[in-house]
Amino acid sequence: MHLFHVFLILLYSFVAQGTDESSAKELPDCSKAPKPSDVDEGKTFRELFIVSTLDGKITALDPKAHGNLVWSHETGPGGLLSSSLSKLEMHNRGQRVRLVPSLDGLL
């Protein structure tokens, strides 16, 4: 039994070392983004609207271009946030109504 545990530890160490971190997707490096003071030097920058959805995506939208998608990134297994909005019950003319959010922003 002791040998089995040693084998598991060695196997785990091998798998952990074998993961390739360079293949992981990364968010854009915001420290390299132009600063407002750089505009005077001819560099451009724009404001972005950052959206985090319950399914774990982070998306940047351009508010000056009708909300066009600039970039999107999936953060990995599972969502970033949880919500109790699906448990929200309202009353409409005496009847209970339950709002259930969807991942596309509609109810």
C-alpha atoms as a PDB file:
ATOM      1  CA  MET A   1       0.000   0.000   0.000  1.00  0.00           C
ATOM      2  CA  HIS A   2       2.875   2.353   0.810  1.00  0.00           C
ATOM      3  CA  LEU A   3       4.351   1.739  -2.645  1.00  0.00           C
ATOM      4  CA  PHE A   4       1.023   2.727  -4.211  1.00  0.00           C
ATOM      5  CA  HIS A   5       1.088   6.113  -2.427  1.00  0.00           C
ATOM      6  CA  VAL A   6       4.667   6.721  -3.561  1.00  0.00           C
ATOM      7  CA  PHE A   7       3.607   5.906  -7.120  1.00  0.00           C
ATOM      8  CA  LEU A   8       0.718   8.397  -6.910  1.00  0.00           C
ATOM      9  CA  ILE A   9       3.008  11.131  -5.597  1.00  0.00           C
ATOM     10  CA  LEU A  10       5.529  10.520  -8.388  1.00  0.00           C
ATOM     11  CA  LEU A  11       2.768  10.443 -10.989  1.00  0.00           C
ATOM     12  CA  TYR A  12       1.317  13.706  -9.695  1.00  0.00           C
ATOM     13  CA  SER A  13       4.761  15.348  -9.734  1.00  0.00           C
ATOM     14  CA  PHE A  14       5.333  14.225 -13.313  1.00  0.00           C
ATOM     15  CA  VAL A  15       1.931  15.488 -14.491  1.00  0.00           C
ATOM     16  CA  ALA A  16       2.358  18.820 -12.671  1.00  0.00           C
ATOM     17  CA  GLN A  17       5.766  19.381 -14.285  1.00  0.00           C
ATOM     18  CA  GLY A  18       4.448  18.381 -17.692  1.00  0.00           C
ATOM     19  CA  THR A  19       1.869  21.138 -17.945  1.00  0.00           C
ATOM     20  CA  ASP A  20       2.814  23.679 -20.565  1.00  0.00           C
ATOM     21  CA  GLU A  21       2.076  27.140 -19.213  1.00  0.00           C
ATOM     22  CA  SER A  22       3.068  28.793 -22.486  1.00  0.00           C
ATOM     23  CA  SER A  23       0.014  27.324 -24.241  1.00  0.00           C
ATOM     24  CA  ALA A  24      -2.390  28.896 -21.739  1.00  0.00           C
ATOM     25  CA  LYS A  25      -4.448  31.792 -23.056  1.00  0.00           C
ATOM     26  CA  GLU A  26      -3.699  35.087 -21.380  1.00  0.00           C
ATOM     27  CA  LEU A  27      -5.588  38.321 -21.046  1.00  0.00           C
ATOM     28  CA  PRO A  28      -4.130  41.346 -22.815  1.00  0.00           C
ATOM     29  CA  ASP A  29      -1.354  43.056 -20.851  1.00  0.00           C
ATOM     30  CA  CYS A  30      -2.970  46.328 -19.800  1.00  0.00           C
ATOM     31  CA  SER A  31       0.336  47.727 -18.572  1.00  0.00           C
ATOM     32  CA  LYS A  32       1.374  48.033 -22.236  1.00  0.00           C
ATOM     33  CA  ALA A  33      -1.726  50.027 -23.173  1.00  0.00           C
ATOM     34  CA  PRO A  34      -1.169  53.658 -24.142  1.00  0.00           C
ATOM     35  CA  LYS A  35      -1.747  56.149 -21.356  1.00  0.00           C
ATOM     36  CA  PRO A  36      -3.731  59.381 -21.843  1.00  0.00           C
ATOM     37  CA  SER A  37      -0.468  61.340 -21.775  1.00  0.00           C
ATOM     38  CA  ASP A  38       0.713  59.328 -24.810  1.00  0.00           C
ATOM     39  CA  VAL A  39      -2.033  60.833 -26.973  1.00  0.00           C
ATOM     40  CA  ASP A  40       0.017  64.012 -27.273  1.00  0.00           C
ATOM     41  CA  GLU A  41       2.827  61.910 -28.745  1.00  0.00           C
ATOM     42  CA  GLY A  42       0.575  60.595 -31.524  1.00  0.00           C
ATOM     43  CA  LYS A  43      -0.362  57.320 -29.853  1.00  0.00           C
ATOM     44  CA  THR A  44      -4.022  56.398 -29.657  1.00  0.00           C
ATOM     45  CA  PHE A  45      -6.073  54.813 -26.941  1.00  0.00           C
ATOM     46  CA  ARG A  46      -9.740  54.076 -26.485  1.00  0.00           C
ATOM     47  CA  GLU A  47     -12.139  53.414 -23.698  1.00  0.00           C
ATOM     48  CA  LEU A  48     -13.465  49.887 -23.392  1.00  0.00           C
ATOM     49  CA  PHE A  49     -16.493  48.514 -21.620  1.00  0.00           C
ATOM     50  CA  ILE A  50     -15.425  45.311 -19.825  1.00  0.00           C
ATOM     51  CA  VAL A  51     -18.124  42.674 -19.310  1.00  0.00           C
ATOM     52  CA  SER A  52     -17.861  39.561 -17.166  1.00  0.00           C
ATOM     53  CA  THR A  53     -20.573  36.981 -17.786  1.00  0.00           C
ATOM     54  CA  LEU A  54     -21.759  34.162 -15.565  1.00  0.00           C
ATOM     55  CA  ASP A  55     -20.352  31.539 -17.940  1.00  0.00           C
ATOM     56  CA  GLY A  56     -16.816  32.766 -17.237  1.00  0.00           C
ATOM     57  CA  LYS A  57     -16.112  34.993 -20.233  1.00  0.00           C
ATOM     58  CA  ILE A  58     -14.495  38.405 -20.046  1.00  0.00           C
ATOM     59  CA  THR A  59     -15.308  40.584 -23.033  1.00  0.00           C
ATOM     60  CA  ALA A  60     -14.226  44.075 -24.068  1.00  0.00           C
ATOM     61  CA  LEU A  61     -16.704  46.181 -26.025  1.00  0.00           C
ATOM     62  CA  ASP A  62     -16.073  49.514 -27.716  1.00  0.00           C
ATOM     63  CA  PRO A  63     -18.792  51.930 -26.501  1.00  0.00           C
ATOM     64  CA  LYS A  64     -17.983  54.475 -29.224  1.00  0.00           C
ATOM     65  CA  ALA A  65     -18.413  51.881 -31.995  1.00  0.00           C
ATOM     66  CA  HIS A  66     -21.926  50.726 -31.075  1.00  0.00           C
ATOM     67  CA  GLY A  67     -20.597  48.138 -28.615  1.00  0.00           C
ATOM     68  CA  ASN A  68     -18.540  46.228 -31.174  1.00  0.00           C
ATOM     69  CA  LEU A  69     -16.508  43.340 -29.793  1.00  0.00           C
ATOM     70  CA  VAL A  70     -12.824  44.222 -29.301  1.00  0.00           C
ATOM     71  CA  TRP A  71     -11.676  41.022 -27.627  1.00  0.00           C
ATOM     72  CA  SER A  72     -13.095  38.134 -25.617  1.00  0.00           C
ATOM     73  CA  HIS A  73     -11.429  35.621 -23.309  1.00  0.00           C
ATOM     74  CA  GLU A  74     -12.714  32.430 -21.706  1.00  0.00           C
ATOM     75  CA  THR A  75     -11.350  32.165 -18.190  1.00  0.00           C
ATOM     76  CA  GLY A  76     -11.377  28.413 -17.867  1.00  0.00           C
ATOM     77  CA  PRO A  77     -13.561  25.761 -16.368  1.00  0.00           C
ATOM     78  CA  GLY A  78     -16.585  27.192 -14.647  1.00  0.00           C
ATOM     79  CA  GLY A  79     -17.796  30.714 -14.254  1.00  0.00           C
ATOM     80  CA  LEU A  80     -16.209  33.616 -12.446  1.00  0.00           C
ATOM     81  CA  LEU A  81     -19.381  34.700 -10.740  1.00  0.00           C
ATOM     82  CA  SER A  82     -22.445  33.145  -9.269  1.00  0.00           C
ATOM     83  CA  SER A  83     -25.847  34.714  -9.194  1.00  0.00           C
ATOM     84  CA  SER A  84     -28.983  34.362  -7.167  1.00  0.00           C
ATOM     85  CA  LEU A  85     -30.926  36.304  -9.798  1.00  0.00           C
ATOM     86  CA  SER A  86     -32.505  33.057 -11.021  1.00  0.00           C
ATOM     87  CA  LYS A  87     -34.157  32.762  -7.612  1.00  0.00           C
ATOM     88  CA  LEU A  88     -35.724  36.204  -7.934  1.00  0.00           C
ATOM     89  CA  GLU A  89     -39.507  36.066  -7.832  1.00  0.00           C
ATOM     90  CA  MET A  90     -41.731  38.998  -8.676  1.00  0.00           C
ATOM     91  CA  HIS A  91     -45.453  39.512  -8.624  1.00  0.00           C
ATOM     92  CA  ASN A  92     -47.435  40.569 -11.680  1.00  0.00           C
ATOM     93  CA  ARG A  93     -51.119  41.237 -10.979  1.00  0.00           C
ATOM     94  CA  GLY A  94     -51.155  38.785  -8.115  1.00  0.00           C
ATOM     95  CA  GLN A  95     -49.296  35.998  -9.943  1.00  0.00           C
ATOM     96  CA  ARG A  96     -45.749  35.004  -9.128  1.00  0.00           C
ATOM     97  CA  VAL A  97     -43.277  35.456 -11.957  1.00  0.00           C
ATOM     98  CA  ARG A  98     -39.745  34.066 -11.891  1.00  0.00           C
ATOM     99  CA  LEU A  99     -36.986  35.738 -13.903  1.00  0.00           C
ATOM    100  CA  VAL A 100     -34.386  33.365 -15.284  1.00  0.00           C
ATOM    101  CA  PRO A 101     -31.328  35.030 -16.828  1.00  0.00           C
ATOM    102  CA  SER A 102     -29.676  33.528 -19.876  1.00  0.00           C
ATOM    103  CA  LEU A 103     -26.058  33.740 -20.935  1.00  0.00           C
ATOM    104  CA  ASP A 104     -26.876  35.969 -23.912  1.00  0.00           C
ATOM    105  CA  GLY A 105     -28.223  38.745 -21.673  1.00  0.00           C
ATOM    106  CA  LEU A 106     -31.905  38.066 -22.303  1.00  0.00           C
ATOM    107  CA  LEU A 107     -34.510  37.039 -19.733  1.00  0.00           C
END
